[in-house]
Amino acid sequence: MLISIKPILIVLIVFFPLFSQEAQTDESEIIPTTPCEHSVLQKARIQGLNSFSPVEIPQYWIRLWQCKRYAKKMGKEIDFKTLYEQKELENYREAEEISGIGSSYAIVITIILFYSYYGYFMR
């Protein structure tokens, strides 16, 4: 029975910082009294969802689930829909313009296609 090491390494690399003994907290960080006041959720509200590092994304989903569960128990309604709409709008604006290495690839592929069709039809 062979065990592939790649998935195990990926899981360890992604989730190891979540379980490390040293907490990455600021001196000024206040211990939240409710799950909805956690620093990850505050960062999402202030800086948006695109500001997260790959390590913070699983933390965000866990804290969001805890916050929704807490709000449901308290009879409150928490709305994170505006965050998702804001992220969607930011991603749309970025995708609207071609920049960086993507534009270079698009130009090269367009030139290759143009010359290949030109050579094919001009025989």
PDB file of N, CA and C in Angstrom:
ATOM      1  N   MET A   1       0.844  -1.175   0.000  1.00  0.00           N
ATOM      2  CA  MET A   1       0.000   0.000   0.000  1.00  0.00           C
ATOM      3  C   MET A   1       0.889   1.238   0.000  1.00  0.00           C
ATOM      4  N   LEU A   2       0.793   2.035  -1.033  1.00  0.00           N
ATOM      5  CA  LEU A   2       1.591   3.241  -1.149  1.00  0.00           C
ATOM      6  C   LEU A   2       0.812   4.450  -0.665  1.00  0.00           C
ATOM      7  N   ILE A   3       1.486   5.289   0.061  1.00  0.00           N
ATOM      8  CA  ILE A   3       0.871   6.521   0.558  1.00  0.00           C
ATOM      9  C   ILE A   3       1.541   7.683  -0.141  1.00  0.00           C
ATOM     10  N   SER A   4       0.747   8.536  -0.719  1.00  0.00           N
ATOM     11  CA  SER A   4       1.286   9.703  -1.405  1.00  0.00           C
ATOM     12  C   SER A   4       1.635  10.769  -0.368  1.00  0.00           C
ATOM     13  N   ILE A   5       2.802  11.320  -0.454  1.00  0.00           N
ATOM     14  CA  ILE A   5       3.283  12.280   0.532  1.00  0.00           C
ATOM     15  C   ILE A   5       2.831  13.706   0.213  1.00  0.00           C
ATOM     16  N   LYS A   6       2.509  13.979  -1.063  1.00  0.00           N
ATOM     17  CA  LYS A   6       2.134  15.339  -1.448  1.00  0.00           C
ATOM     18  C   LYS A   6       0.913  15.860  -0.682  1.00  0.00           C
ATOM     19  N   PRO A   7      -0.209  15.122  -0.636  1.00  0.00           N
ATOM     20  CA  PRO A   7      -1.368  15.661   0.090  1.00  0.00           C
ATOM     21  C   PRO A   7      -1.082  15.872   1.581  1.00  0.00           C
ATOM     22  N   ILE A   8      -0.291  15.004   2.159  1.00  0.00           N
ATOM     23  CA  ILE A   8       0.035  15.141   3.577  1.00  0.00           C
ATOM     24  C   ILE A   8       0.860  16.405   3.799  1.00  0.00           C
ATOM     25  N   LEU A   9       1.835  16.651   2.939  1.00  0.00           N
ATOM     26  CA  LEU A   9       2.656  17.862   3.065  1.00  0.00           C
ATOM     27  C   LEU A   9       1.834  19.119   2.855  1.00  0.00           C
ATOM     28  N   ILE A  10       0.935  19.101   1.896  1.00  0.00           N
ATOM     29  CA  ILE A  10       0.096  20.272   1.636  1.00  0.00           C
ATOM     30  C   ILE A  10      -0.772  20.580   2.848  1.00  0.00           C
ATOM     31  N   VAL A  11      -1.373  19.547   3.429  1.00  0.00           N
ATOM     32  CA  VAL A  11      -2.216  19.753   4.608  1.00  0.00           C
ATOM     33  C   VAL A  11      -1.383  20.297   5.770  1.00  0.00           C
ATOM     34  N   LEU A  12      -0.211  19.759   5.974  1.00  0.00           N
ATOM     35  CA  LEU A  12       0.642  20.237   7.061  1.00  0.00           C
ATOM     36  C   LEU A  12       1.081  21.685   6.851  1.00  0.00           C
ATOM     37  N   ILE A  13       1.446  22.032   5.633  1.00  0.00           N
ATOM     38  CA  ILE A  13       1.895  23.396   5.356  1.00  0.00           C
ATOM     39  C   ILE A  13       0.764  24.396   5.529  1.00  0.00           C
ATOM     40  N   VAL A  14      -0.437  24.032   5.093  1.00  0.00           N
ATOM     41  CA  VAL A  14      -1.561  24.962   5.172  1.00  0.00           C
ATOM     42  C   VAL A  14      -2.081  25.093   6.600  1.00  0.00           C
ATOM     43  N   PHE A  15      -2.219  23.987   7.315  1.00  0.00           N
ATOM     44  CA  PHE A  15      -2.876  24.031   8.605  1.00  0.00           C
ATOM     45  C   PHE A  15      -1.926  24.098   9.799  1.00  0.00           C
ATOM     46  N   PHE A  16      -0.637  23.941   9.596  1.00  0.00           N
ATOM     47  CA  PHE A  16       0.295  24.000  10.714  1.00  0.00           C
ATOM     48  C   PHE A  16       0.288  25.344  11.429  1.00  0.00           C
ATOM     49  N   PRO A  17       0.260  26.473  10.719  1.00  0.00           N
ATOM     50  CA  PRO A  17       0.219  27.760  11.443  1.00  0.00           C
ATOM     51  C   PRO A  17      -1.040  27.938  12.284  1.00  0.00           C
ATOM     52  N   LEU A  18      -2.120  27.245  11.940  1.00  0.00           N
ATOM     53  CA  LEU A  18      -3.338  27.366  12.732  1.00  0.00           C
ATOM     54  C   LEU A  18      -3.176  26.737  14.115  1.00  0.00           C
ATOM     55  N   PHE A  19      -2.354  25.694  14.204  1.00  0.00           N
ATOM     56  CA  PHE A  19      -2.221  24.949  15.445  1.00  0.00           C
ATOM     57  C   PHE A  19      -0.908  25.208  16.165  1.00  0.00           C
ATOM     58  N   SER A  20      -0.162  26.207  15.721  1.00  0.00           N
ATOM     59  CA  SER A  20       1.122  26.475  16.356  1.00  0.00           C
ATOM     60  C   SER A  20       0.917  27.028  17.767  1.00  0.00           C
ATOM     61  N   GLN A  21       1.903  26.841  18.622  1.00  0.00           N
ATOM     62  CA  GLN A  21       1.803  27.253  20.012  1.00  0.00           C
ATOM     63  C   GLN A  21       1.885  28.764  20.175  1.00  0.00           C
ATOM     64  N   GLU A  22       2.649  29.416  19.318  1.00  0.00           N
ATOM     65  CA  GLU A  22       2.800  30.854  19.426  1.00  0.00           C
ATOM     66  C   GLU A  22       1.663  31.541  18.693  1.00  0.00           C
ATOM     67  N   ALA A  23       0.893  32.311  19.423  1.00  0.00           N
ATOM     68  CA  ALA A  23      -0.202  33.041  18.805  1.00  0.00           C
ATOM     69  C   ALA A  23       0.338  34.305  18.162  1.00  0.00           C
ATOM     70  N   GLN A  24      -0.162  34.616  17.006  1.00  0.00           N
ATOM     71  CA  GLN A  24       0.265  35.805  16.295  1.00  0.00           C
ATOM     72  C   GLN A  24      -0.699  36.942  16.626  1.00  0.00           C
ATOM     73  N   THR A  25      -0.567  37.498  17.810  1.00  0.00           N
ATOM     74  CA  THR A  25      -1.457  38.560  18.239  1.00  0.00           C
ATOM     75  C   THR A  25      -0.669  39.825  18.517  1.00  0.00           C
ATOM     76  N   ASP A  26      -1.335  40.936  18.361  1.00  0.00           N
ATOM     77  CA  ASP A  26      -0.739  42.217  18.694  1.00  0.00           C
ATOM     78  C   ASP A  26      -0.906  42.476  20.178  1.00  0.00           C
ATOM     79  N   GLU A  27      -0.094  43.389  20.686  1.00  0.00           N
ATOM     80  CA  GLU A  27      -0.203  43.762  22.097  1.00  0.00           C
ATOM     81  C   GLU A  27      -1.521  44.494  22.353  1.00  0.00           C
ATOM     82  N   SER A  28      -1.981  45.218  21.334  1.00  0.00           N
ATOM     83  CA  SER A  28      -3.184  46.023  21.506  1.00  0.00           C
ATOM     84  C   SER A  28      -4.470  45.238  21.253  1.00  0.00           C
ATOM     85  N   GLU A  29      -4.366  43.971  20.874  1.00  0.00           N
ATOM     86  CA  GLU A  29      -5.554  43.190  20.561  1.00  0.00           C
ATOM     87  C   GLU A  29      -6.322  42.862  21.836  1.00  0.00           C
ATOM     88  N   ILE A  30      -7.597  43.131  21.812  1.00  0.00           N
ATOM     89  CA  ILE A  30      -8.464  42.883  22.951  1.00  0.00           C
ATOM     90  C   ILE A  30      -9.126  41.527  22.768  1.00  0.00           C
ATOM     91  N   ILE A  31      -9.234  40.774  23.843  1.00  0.00           N
ATOM     92  CA  ILE A  31      -9.883  39.469  23.789  1.00  0.00           C
ATOM     93  C   ILE A  31     -11.363  39.689  23.519  1.00  0.00           C
ATOM     94  N   PRO A  32     -11.894  39.070  22.450  1.00  0.00           N
ATOM     95  CA  PRO A  32     -13.296  39.311  22.106  1.00  0.00           C
ATOM     96  C   PRO A  32     -14.237  38.677  23.124  1.00  0.00           C
ATOM     97  N   THR A  33     -15.349  39.362  23.379  1.00  0.00           N
ATOM     98  CA  THR A  33     -16.352  38.827  24.302  1.00  0.00           C
ATOM     99  C   THR A  33     -17.357  37.945  23.561  1.00  0.00           C
ATOM    100  N   THR A  34     -17.534  38.182  22.272  1.00  0.00           N
ATOM    101  CA  THR A  34     -18.414  37.352  21.453  1.00  0.00           C
ATOM    102  C   THR A  34     -17.625  36.876  20.237  1.00  0.00           C
ATOM    103  N   PRO A  35     -18.063  35.794  19.613  1.00  0.00           N
ATOM    104  CA  PRO A  35     -17.353  35.319  18.417  1.00  0.00           C
ATOM    105  C   PRO A  35     -17.382  36.322  17.267  1.00  0.00           C
ATOM    106  N   CYS A  36     -18.375  37.189  17.246  1.00  0.00           N
ATOM    107  CA  CYS A  36     -18.495  38.160  16.152  1.00  0.00           C
ATOM    108  C   CYS A  36     -17.513  39.321  16.283  1.00  0.00           C
ATOM    109  N   GLU A  37     -16.832  39.441  17.412  1.00  0.00           N
ATOM    110  CA  GLU A  37     -15.874  40.520  17.618  1.00  0.00           C
ATOM    111  C   GLU A  37     -14.433  40.059  17.415  1.00  0.00           C
ATOM    112  N   HIS A  38     -14.226  38.904  16.824  1.00  0.00           N
ATOM    113  CA  HIS A  38     -12.879  38.388  16.617  1.00  0.00           C
ATOM    114  C   HIS A  38     -12.117  39.256  15.624  1.00  0.00           C
ATOM    115  N   SER A  39     -10.797  39.294  15.758  1.00  0.00           N
ATOM    116  CA  SER A  39      -9.970  40.172  14.929  1.00  0.00           C
ATOM    117  C   SER A  39     -10.037  39.819  13.444  1.00  0.00           C
ATOM    118  N   VAL A  40     -10.220  38.542  13.124  1.00  0.00           N
ATOM    119  CA  VAL A  40     -10.308  38.142  11.721  1.00  0.00           C
ATOM    120  C   VAL A  40     -11.576  38.709  11.091  1.00  0.00           C
ATOM    121  N   LEU A  41     -12.683  38.677  11.822  1.00  0.00           N
ATOM    122  CA  LEU A  41     -13.930  39.225  11.303  1.00  0.00           C
ATOM    123  C   LEU A  41     -13.868  40.746  11.222  1.00  0.00           C
ATOM    124  N   GLN A  42     -13.187  41.369  12.180  1.00  0.00           N
ATOM    125  CA  GLN A  42     -13.017  42.822  12.135  1.00  0.00           C
ATOM    126  C   GLN A  42     -12.187  43.221  10.914  1.00  0.00           C
ATOM    127  N   LYS A  43     -11.144  42.451  10.631  1.00  0.00           N
ATOM    128  CA  LYS A  43     -10.304  42.723   9.469  1.00  0.00           C
ATOM    129  C   LYS A  43     -11.124  42.585   8.190  1.00  0.00           C
ATOM    130  N   ALA A  44     -12.019  41.596   8.147  1.00  0.00           N
ATOM    131  CA  ALA A  44     -12.864  41.409   6.966  1.00  0.00           C
ATOM    132  C   ALA A  44     -13.785  42.599   6.775  1.00  0.00           C
ATOM    133  N   ARG A  45     -14.319  43.125   7.856  1.00  0.00           N
ATOM    134  CA  ARG A  45     -15.230  44.272   7.750  1.00  0.00           C
ATOM    135  C   ARG A  45     -14.497  45.542   7.341  1.00  0.00           C
ATOM    136  N   ILE A  46     -13.288  45.730   7.840  1.00  0.00           N
ATOM    137  CA  ILE A  46     -12.559  46.977   7.601  1.00  0.00           C
ATOM    138  C   ILE A  46     -11.805  46.935   6.271  1.00  0.00           C
ATOM    139  N   GLN A  47     -11.014  45.879   6.050  1.00  0.00           N
ATOM    140  CA  GLN A  47     -10.134  45.831   4.877  1.00  0.00           C
ATOM    141  C   GLN A  47     -10.701  45.013   3.719  1.00  0.00           C
ATOM    142  N   GLY A  48     -11.748  44.241   3.957  1.00  0.00           N
ATOM    143  CA  GLY A  48     -12.338  43.441   2.898  1.00  0.00           C
ATOM    144  C   GLY A  48     -11.800  42.019   2.887  1.00  0.00           C
ATOM    145  N   LEU A  49     -12.450  41.165   2.136  1.00  0.00           N
ATOM    146  CA  LEU A  49     -12.090  39.751   2.096  1.00  0.00           C
ATOM    147  C   LEU A  49     -10.820  39.486   1.291  1.00  0.00           C
ATOM    148  N   ASN A  50     -10.475  40.375   0.378  1.00  0.00           N
ATOM    149  CA  ASN A  50      -9.269  40.173  -0.422  1.00  0.00           C
ATOM    150  C   ASN A  50      -8.000  40.449   0.362  1.00  0.00           C
ATOM    151  N   SER A  51      -8.104  40.955   1.571  1.00  0.00           N
ATOM    152  CA  SER A  51      -6.918  41.280   2.368  1.00  0.00           C
ATOM    153  C   SER A  51      -6.372  40.082   3.135  1.00  0.00           C
ATOM    154  N   PHE A  52      -7.052  38.943   3.087  1.00  0.00           N
ATOM    155  CA  PHE A  52      -6.632  37.778   3.861  1.00  0.00           C
ATOM    156  C   PHE A  52      -5.448  37.065   3.227  1.00  0.00           C
ATOM    157  N   SER A  53      -4.573  36.561   4.092  1.00  0.00           N
ATOM    158  CA  SER A  53      -3.497  35.683   3.647  1.00  0.00           C
ATOM    159  C   SER A  53      -4.064  34.259   3.598  1.00  0.00           C
ATOM    160  N   PRO A  54      -3.367  33.331   2.946  1.00  0.00           N
ATOM    161  CA  PRO A  54      -3.886  31.951   2.886  1.00  0.00           C
ATOM    162  C   PRO A  54      -4.082  31.302   4.254  1.00  0.00           C
ATOM    163  N   VAL A  55      -3.333  31.736   5.252  1.00  0.00           N
ATOM    164  CA  VAL A  55      -3.478  31.174   6.596  1.00  0.00           C
ATOM    165  C   VAL A  55      -4.743  31.699   7.268  1.00  0.00           C
ATOM    166  N   GLU A  56      -5.128  32.926   6.957  1.00  0.00           N
ATOM    167  CA  GLU A  56      -6.289  33.538   7.614  1.00  0.00           C
ATOM    168  C   GLU A  56      -7.620  33.090   7.031  1.00  0.00           C
ATOM    169  N   ILE A  57      -7.622  32.537   5.844  1.00  0.00           N
ATOM    170  CA  ILE A  57      -8.886  32.146   5.210  1.00  0.00           C
ATOM    171  C   ILE A  57      -9.608  31.048   5.985  1.00  0.00           C
ATOM    172  N   PRO A  58      -8.930  29.948   6.388  1.00  0.00           N
ATOM    173  CA  PRO A  58      -9.657  28.954   7.206  1.00  0.00           C
ATOM    174  C   PRO A  58     -10.100  29.525   8.560  1.00  0.00           C
ATOM    175  N   GLN A  59      -9.284  30.396   9.146  1.00  0.00           N
ATOM    176  CA  GLN A  59      -9.673  31.038  10.402  1.00  0.00           C
ATOM    177  C   GLN A  59     -10.937  31.858  10.208  1.00  0.00           C
ATOM    178  N   TYR A  60     -11.017  32.558   9.083  1.00  0.00           N
ATOM    179  CA  TYR A  60     -12.198  33.380   8.801  1.00  0.00           C
ATOM    180  C   TYR A  60     -13.447  32.515   8.706  1.00  0.00           C
ATOM    181  N   TRP A  61     -13.352  31.402   7.970  1.00  0.00           N
ATOM    182  CA  TRP A  61     -14.535  30.554   7.813  1.00  0.00           C
ATOM    183  C   TRP A  61     -14.979  29.957   9.142  1.00  0.00           C
ATOM    184  N   ILE A  62     -14.024  29.566   9.982  1.00  0.00           N
ATOM    185  CA  ILE A  62     -14.365  29.016  11.299  1.00  0.00           C
ATOM    186  C   ILE A  62     -15.030  30.081  12.168  1.00  0.00           C
ATOM    187  N   ARG A  63     -14.431  31.276  12.210  1.00  0.00           N
ATOM    188  CA  ARG A  63     -14.995  32.366  13.030  1.00  0.00           C
ATOM    189  C   ARG A  63     -16.340  32.831  12.486  1.00  0.00           C
ATOM    190  N   LEU A  64     -16.505  32.820  11.169  1.00  0.00           N
ATOM    191  CA  LEU A  64     -17.787  33.199  10.585  1.00  0.00           C
ATOM    192  C   LEU A  64     -18.873  32.210  10.984  1.00  0.00           C
ATOM    193  N   TRP A  65     -18.543  30.917  10.944  1.00  0.00           N
ATOM    194  CA  TRP A  65     -19.507  29.901  11.351  1.00  0.00           C
ATOM    195  C   TRP A  65     -19.876  30.073  12.830  1.00  0.00           C
ATOM    196  N   GLN A  66     -18.864  30.337  13.678  1.00  0.00           N
ATOM    197  CA  GLN A  66     -19.133  30.540  15.101  1.00  0.00           C
ATOM    198  C   GLN A  66     -19.986  31.783  15.315  1.00  0.00           C
ATOM    199  N   CYS A  67     -19.712  32.832  14.569  1.00  0.00           N
ATOM    200  CA  CYS A  67     -20.473  34.067  14.709  1.00  0.00           C
ATOM    201  C   CYS A  67     -21.926  33.871  14.294  1.00  0.00           C
ATOM    202  N   LYS A  68     -22.136  33.176  13.180  1.00  0.00           N
ATOM    203  CA  LYS A  68     -23.509  32.928  12.729  1.00  0.00           C
ATOM    204  C   LYS A  68     -24.266  32.067  13.735  1.00  0.00           C
ATOM    205  N   ARG A  69     -23.578  31.072  14.287  1.00  0.00           N
ATOM    206  CA  ARG A  69     -24.214  30.209  15.291  1.00  0.00           C
ATOM    207  C   ARG A  69     -24.561  30.997  16.545  1.00  0.00           C
ATOM    208  N   TYR A  70     -23.651  31.868  16.977  1.00  0.00           N
ATOM    209  CA  TYR A  70     -23.884  32.707  18.158  1.00  0.00           C
ATOM    210  C   TYR A  70     -25.047  33.671  17.915  1.00  0.00           C
ATOM    211  N   ALA A  71     -25.082  34.278  16.733  1.00  0.00           N
ATOM    212  CA  ALA A  71     -26.149  35.222  16.410  1.00  0.00           C
ATOM    213  C   ALA A  71     -27.505  34.520  16.350  1.00  0.00           C
ATOM    214  N   LYS A  72     -27.516  33.301  15.852  1.00  0.00           N
ATOM    215  CA  LYS A  72     -28.765  32.550  15.780  1.00  0.00           C
ATOM    216  C   LYS A  72     -29.276  32.223  17.184  1.00  0.00           C
ATOM    217  N   LYS A  73     -28.352  31.884  18.101  1.00  0.00           N
ATOM    218  CA  LYS A  73     -28.751  31.586  19.477  1.00  0.00           C
ATOM    219  C   LYS A  73     -29.296  32.835  20.170  1.00  0.00           C
ATOM    220  N   MET A  74     -28.718  33.992  19.856  1.00  0.00           N
ATOM    221  CA  MET A  74     -29.142  35.241  20.487  1.00  0.00           C
ATOM    222  C   MET A  74     -30.347  35.872  19.797  1.00  0.00           C
ATOM    223  N   GLY A  75     -30.756  35.320  18.669  1.00  0.00           N
ATOM    224  CA  GLY A  75     -31.905  35.851  17.943  1.00  0.00           C
ATOM    225  C   GLY A  75     -31.568  37.074  17.113  1.00  0.00           C
ATOM    226  N   LYS A  76     -30.303  37.275  16.818  1.00  0.00           N
ATOM    227  CA  LYS A  76     -29.878  38.412  16.003  1.00  0.00           C
ATOM    228  C   LYS A  76     -29.660  37.943  14.577  1.00  0.00           C
ATOM    229  N   GLU A  77     -29.563  38.923  13.684  1.00  0.00           N
ATOM    230  CA  GLU A  77     -29.285  38.605  12.296  1.00  0.00           C
ATOM    231  C   GLU A  77     -28.003  39.308  11.889  1.00  0.00           C
ATOM    232  N   ILE A  78     -27.023  38.524  11.445  1.00  0.00           N
ATOM    233  CA  ILE A  78     -25.728  39.049  11.015  1.00  0.00           C
ATOM    234  C   ILE A  78     -25.697  39.021   9.494  1.00  0.00           C
ATOM    235  N   ASP A  79     -25.310  40.168   8.892  1.00  0.00           N
ATOM    236  CA  ASP A  79     -25.290  40.254   7.441  1.00  0.00           C
ATOM    237  C   ASP A  79     -23.855  40.410   6.947  1.00  0.00           C
ATOM    238  N   PHE A  80     -23.354  39.376   6.286  1.00  0.00           N
ATOM    239  CA  PHE A  80     -22.039  39.431   5.659  1.00  0.00           C
ATOM    240  C   PHE A  80     -22.186  39.534   4.140  1.00  0.00           C
ATOM    241  N   LYS A  81     -23.415  39.736   3.677  1.00  0.00           N
ATOM    242  CA  LYS A  81     -23.660  39.816   2.244  1.00  0.00           C
ATOM    243  C   LYS A  81     -22.932  41.005   1.616  1.00  0.00           C
ATOM    244  N   THR A  82     -22.824  42.113   2.332  1.00  0.00           N
ATOM    245  CA  THR A  82     -22.140  43.288   1.776  1.00  0.00           C
ATOM    246  C   THR A  82     -20.655  43.003   1.553  1.00  0.00           C
ATOM    247  N   LEU A  83     -20.036  42.190   2.425  1.00  0.00           N
ATOM    248  CA  LEU A  83     -18.634  41.825   2.227  1.00  0.00           C
ATOM    249  C   LEU A  83     -18.450  41.023   0.950  1.00  0.00           C
ATOM    250  N   TYR A  84     -19.347  40.085   0.703  1.00  0.00           N
ATOM    251  CA  TYR A  84     -19.240  39.265  -0.493  1.00  0.00           C
ATOM    252  C   TYR A  84     -19.499  40.096  -1.746  1.00  0.00           C
ATOM    253  N   GLU A  85     -20.453  41.028  -1.667  1.00  0.00           N
ATOM    254  CA  GLU A  85     -20.714  41.900  -2.810  1.00  0.00           C
ATOM    255  C   GLU A  85     -19.517  42.804  -3.086  1.00  0.00           C
ATOM    256  N   GLN A  86     -18.887  43.290  -2.019  1.00  0.00           N
ATOM    257  CA  GLN A  86     -17.713  44.143  -2.176  1.00  0.00           C
ATOM    258  C   GLN A  86     -16.562  43.362  -2.812  1.00  0.00           C
ATOM    259  N   LYS A  87     -16.343  42.124  -2.379  1.00  0.00           N
ATOM    260  CA  LYS A  87     -15.283  41.289  -2.960  1.00  0.00           C
ATOM    261  C   LYS A  87     -15.574  41.005  -4.427  1.00  0.00           C
ATOM    262  N   GLU A  88     -16.830  40.721  -4.733  1.00  0.00           N
ATOM    263  CA  GLU A  88     -17.209  40.456  -6.112  1.00  0.00           C
ATOM    264  C   GLU A  88     -16.965  41.681  -6.996  1.00  0.00           C
ATOM    265  N   LEU A  89     -17.276  42.869  -6.481  1.00  0.00           N
ATOM    266  CA  LEU A  89     -17.063  44.102  -7.226  1.00  0.00           C
ATOM    267  C   LEU A  89     -15.570  44.364  -7.449  1.00  0.00           C
ATOM    268  N   GLU A  90     -14.747  44.130  -6.420  1.00  0.00           N
ATOM    269  CA  GLU A  90     -13.304  44.308  -6.559  1.00  0.00           C
ATOM    270  C   GLU A  90     -12.727  43.327  -7.577  1.00  0.00           C
ATOM    271  N   ASN A  91     -13.152  42.074  -7.526  1.00  0.00           N
ATOM    272  CA  ASN A  91     -12.672  41.082  -8.483  1.00  0.00           C
ATOM    273  C   ASN A  91     -13.120  41.415  -9.900  1.00  0.00           C
ATOM    274  N   TYR A  92     -14.320  41.967 -10.033  1.00  0.00           N
ATOM    275  CA  TYR A  92     -14.814  42.362 -11.352  1.00  0.00           C
ATOM    276  C   TYR A  92     -13.972  43.500 -11.924  1.00  0.00           C
ATOM    277  N   ARG A  93     -13.639  44.466 -11.082  1.00  0.00           N
ATOM    278  CA  ARG A  93     -12.813  45.590 -11.542  1.00  0.00           C
ATOM    279  C   ARG A  93     -11.424  45.122 -11.969  1.00  0.00           C
ATOM    280  N   GLU A  94     -10.845  44.183 -11.216  1.00  0.00           N
ATOM    281  CA  GLU A  94      -9.534  43.649 -11.582  1.00  0.00           C
ATOM    282  C   GLU A  94      -9.594  42.858 -12.880  1.00  0.00           C
ATOM    283  N   ALA A  95     -10.667  42.112 -13.072  1.00  0.00           N
ATOM    284  CA  ALA A  95     -10.791  41.278 -14.265  1.00  0.00           C
ATOM    285  C   ALA A  95     -11.171  42.101 -15.489  1.00  0.00           C
ATOM    286  N   GLU A  96     -11.676  43.313 -15.267  1.00  0.00           N
ATOM    287  CA  GLU A  96     -12.116  44.149 -16.362  1.00  0.00           C
ATOM    288  C   GLU A  96     -10.950  44.588 -17.247  1.00  0.00           C
ATOM    289  N   GLU A  97      -9.796  44.764 -16.669  1.00  0.00           N
ATOM    290  CA  GLU A  97      -8.636  45.197 -17.436  1.00  0.00           C
ATOM    291  C   GLU A  97      -7.577  44.098 -17.448  1.00  0.00           C
ATOM    292  N   ILE A  98      -6.965  43.930 -18.590  1.00  0.00           N
ATOM    293  CA  ILE A  98      -5.900  42.934 -18.717  1.00  0.00           C
ATOM    294  C   ILE A  98      -4.592  43.654 -18.424  1.00  0.00           C
ATOM    295  N   SER A  99      -3.878  43.174 -17.438  1.00  0.00           N
ATOM    296  CA  SER A  99      -2.606  43.803 -17.103  1.00  0.00           C
ATOM    297  C   SER A  99      -1.620  42.744 -16.655  1.00  0.00           C
ATOM    298  N   GLY A 100      -0.360  43.116 -16.632  1.00  0.00           N
ATOM    299  CA  GLY A 100       0.672  42.208 -16.158  1.00  0.00           C
ATOM    300  C   GLY A 100       1.023  41.156 -17.181  1.00  0.00           C
ATOM    301  N   ILE A 101       1.350  39.992 -16.686  1.00  0.00           N
ATOM    302  CA  ILE A 101       1.811  38.920 -17.560  1.00  0.00           C
ATOM    303  C   ILE A 101       0.676  38.355 -18.412  1.00  0.00           C
ATOM    304  N   GLY A 102      -0.543  38.495 -17.955  1.00  0.00           N
ATOM    305  CA  GLY A 102      -1.688  38.019 -18.734  1.00  0.00           C
ATOM    306  C   GLY A 102      -1.829  38.752 -20.047  1.00  0.00           C
ATOM    307  N   SER A 103      -1.572  40.050 -20.047  1.00  0.00           N
ATOM    308  CA  SER A 103      -1.664  40.811 -21.293  1.00  0.00           C
ATOM    309  C   SER A 103      -0.564  40.389 -22.259  1.00  0.00           C
ATOM    310  N   SER A 104       0.613  40.096 -21.747  1.00  0.00           N
ATOM    311  CA  SER A 104       1.709  39.642 -22.612  1.00  0.00           C
ATOM    312  C   SER A 104       1.354  38.320 -23.277  1.00  0.00           C
ATOM    313  N   TYR A 105       0.820  37.383 -22.509  1.00  0.00           N
ATOM    314  CA  TYR A 105       0.419  36.098 -23.076  1.00  0.00           C
ATOM    315  C   TYR A 105      -0.685  36.286 -24.125  1.00  0.00           C
ATOM    316  N   ALA A 106      -1.625  37.160 -23.846  1.00  0.00           N
ATOM    317  CA  ALA A 106      -2.720  37.391 -24.790  1.00  0.00           C
ATOM    318  C   ALA A 106      -2.194  37.954 -26.107  1.00  0.00           C
ATOM    319  N   ILE A 107      -1.254  38.877 -26.047  1.00  0.00           N
ATOM    320  CA  ILE A 107      -0.691  39.462 -27.270  1.00  0.00           C
ATOM    321  C   ILE A 107       0.083  38.407 -28.061  1.00  0.00           C
ATOM    322  N   VAL A 108       0.914  37.625 -27.386  1.00  0.00           N
ATOM    323  CA  VAL A 108       1.712  36.608 -28.074  1.00  0.00           C
ATOM    324  C   VAL A 108       0.804  35.573 -28.728  1.00  0.00           C
ATOM    325  N   ILE A 109      -0.202  35.110 -28.038  1.00  0.00           N
ATOM    326  CA  ILE A 109      -1.112  34.103 -28.591  1.00  0.00           C
ATOM    327  C   ILE A 109      -1.886  34.676 -29.769  1.00  0.00           C
ATOM    328  N   THR A 110      -2.298  35.942 -29.678  1.00  0.00           N
ATOM    329  CA  THR A 110      -3.008  36.586 -30.780  1.00  0.00           C
ATOM    330  C   THR A 110      -2.114  36.671 -32.019  1.00  0.00           C
ATOM    331  N   ILE A 111      -0.858  37.041 -31.840  1.00  0.00           N
ATOM    332  CA  ILE A 111       0.074  37.129 -32.974  1.00  0.00           C
ATOM    333  C   ILE A 111       0.299  35.750 -33.592  1.00  0.00           C
ATOM    334  N   ILE A 112       0.479  34.726 -32.761  1.00  0.00           N
ATOM    335  CA  ILE A 112       0.682  33.364 -33.268  1.00  0.00           C
ATOM    336  C   ILE A 112      -0.531  32.900 -34.063  1.00  0.00           C
ATOM    337  N   LEU A 113      -1.732  33.135 -33.540  1.00  0.00           N
ATOM    338  CA  LEU A 113      -2.950  32.737 -34.248  1.00  0.00           C
ATOM    339  C   LEU A 113      -3.097  33.499 -35.564  1.00  0.00           C
ATOM    340  N   PHE A 114      -2.807  34.793 -35.530  1.00  0.00           N
ATOM    341  CA  PHE A 114      -2.923  35.597 -36.732  1.00  0.00           C
ATOM    342  C   PHE A 114      -2.000  35.076 -37.828  1.00  0.00           C
ATOM    343  N   TYR A 115      -0.724  34.841 -37.504  1.00  0.00           N
ATOM    344  CA  TYR A 115       0.220  34.373 -38.510  1.00  0.00           C
ATOM    345  C   TYR A 115      -0.067  32.941 -38.955  1.00  0.00           C
ATOM    346  N   SER A 116      -0.573  32.122 -38.083  1.00  0.00           N
ATOM    347  CA  SER A 116      -0.893  30.752 -38.496  1.00  0.00           C
ATOM    348  C   SER A 116      -2.080  30.744 -39.453  1.00  0.00           C
ATOM    349  N   TYR A 117      -3.120  31.532 -39.169  1.00  0.00           N
ATOM    350  CA  TYR A 117      -4.257  31.616 -40.083  1.00  0.00           C
ATOM    351  C   TYR A 117      -3.860  32.310 -41.387  1.00  0.00           C
ATOM    352  N   TYR A 118      -3.029  33.323 -41.283  1.00  0.00           N
ATOM    353  CA  TYR A 118      -2.564  34.039 -42.465  1.00  0.00           C
ATOM    354  C   TYR A 118      -1.771  33.093 -43.377  1.00  0.00           C
ATOM    355  N   GLY A 119      -0.891  32.313 -42.810  1.00  0.00           N
ATOM    356  CA  GLY A 119      -0.113  31.351 -43.591  1.00  0.00           C
ATOM    357  C   GLY A 119      -0.971  30.244 -44.177  1.00  0.00           C
ATOM    358  N   TYR A 120      -1.999  29.833 -43.473  1.00  0.00           N
ATOM    359  CA  TYR A 120      -2.878  28.767 -43.936  1.00  0.00           C
ATOM    360  C   TYR A 120      -3.722  29.233 -45.116  1.00  0.00           C
ATOM    361  N   PHE A 121      -4.276  30.438 -45.050  1.00  0.00           N
ATOM    362  CA  PHE A 121      -5.167  30.915 -46.087  1.00  0.00           C
ATOM    363  C   PHE A 121      -4.409  31.525 -47.291  1.00  0.00           C
ATOM    364  N   MET A 122      -3.152  31.869 -47.135  1.00  0.00           N
ATOM    365  CA  MET A 122      -2.417  32.505 -48.227  1.00  0.00           C
ATOM    366  C   MET A 122      -1.603  31.507 -49.048  1.00  0.00           C
ATOM    367  N   ARG A 123      -1.764  30.234 -48.870  1.00  0.00           N
ATOM    368  CA  ARG A 123      -1.045  29.225 -49.652  1.00  0.00           C
ATOM    369  C   ARG A 123      -1.466  29.204 -51.075  1.00  0.00           C
TER     370      ARG A 123
END
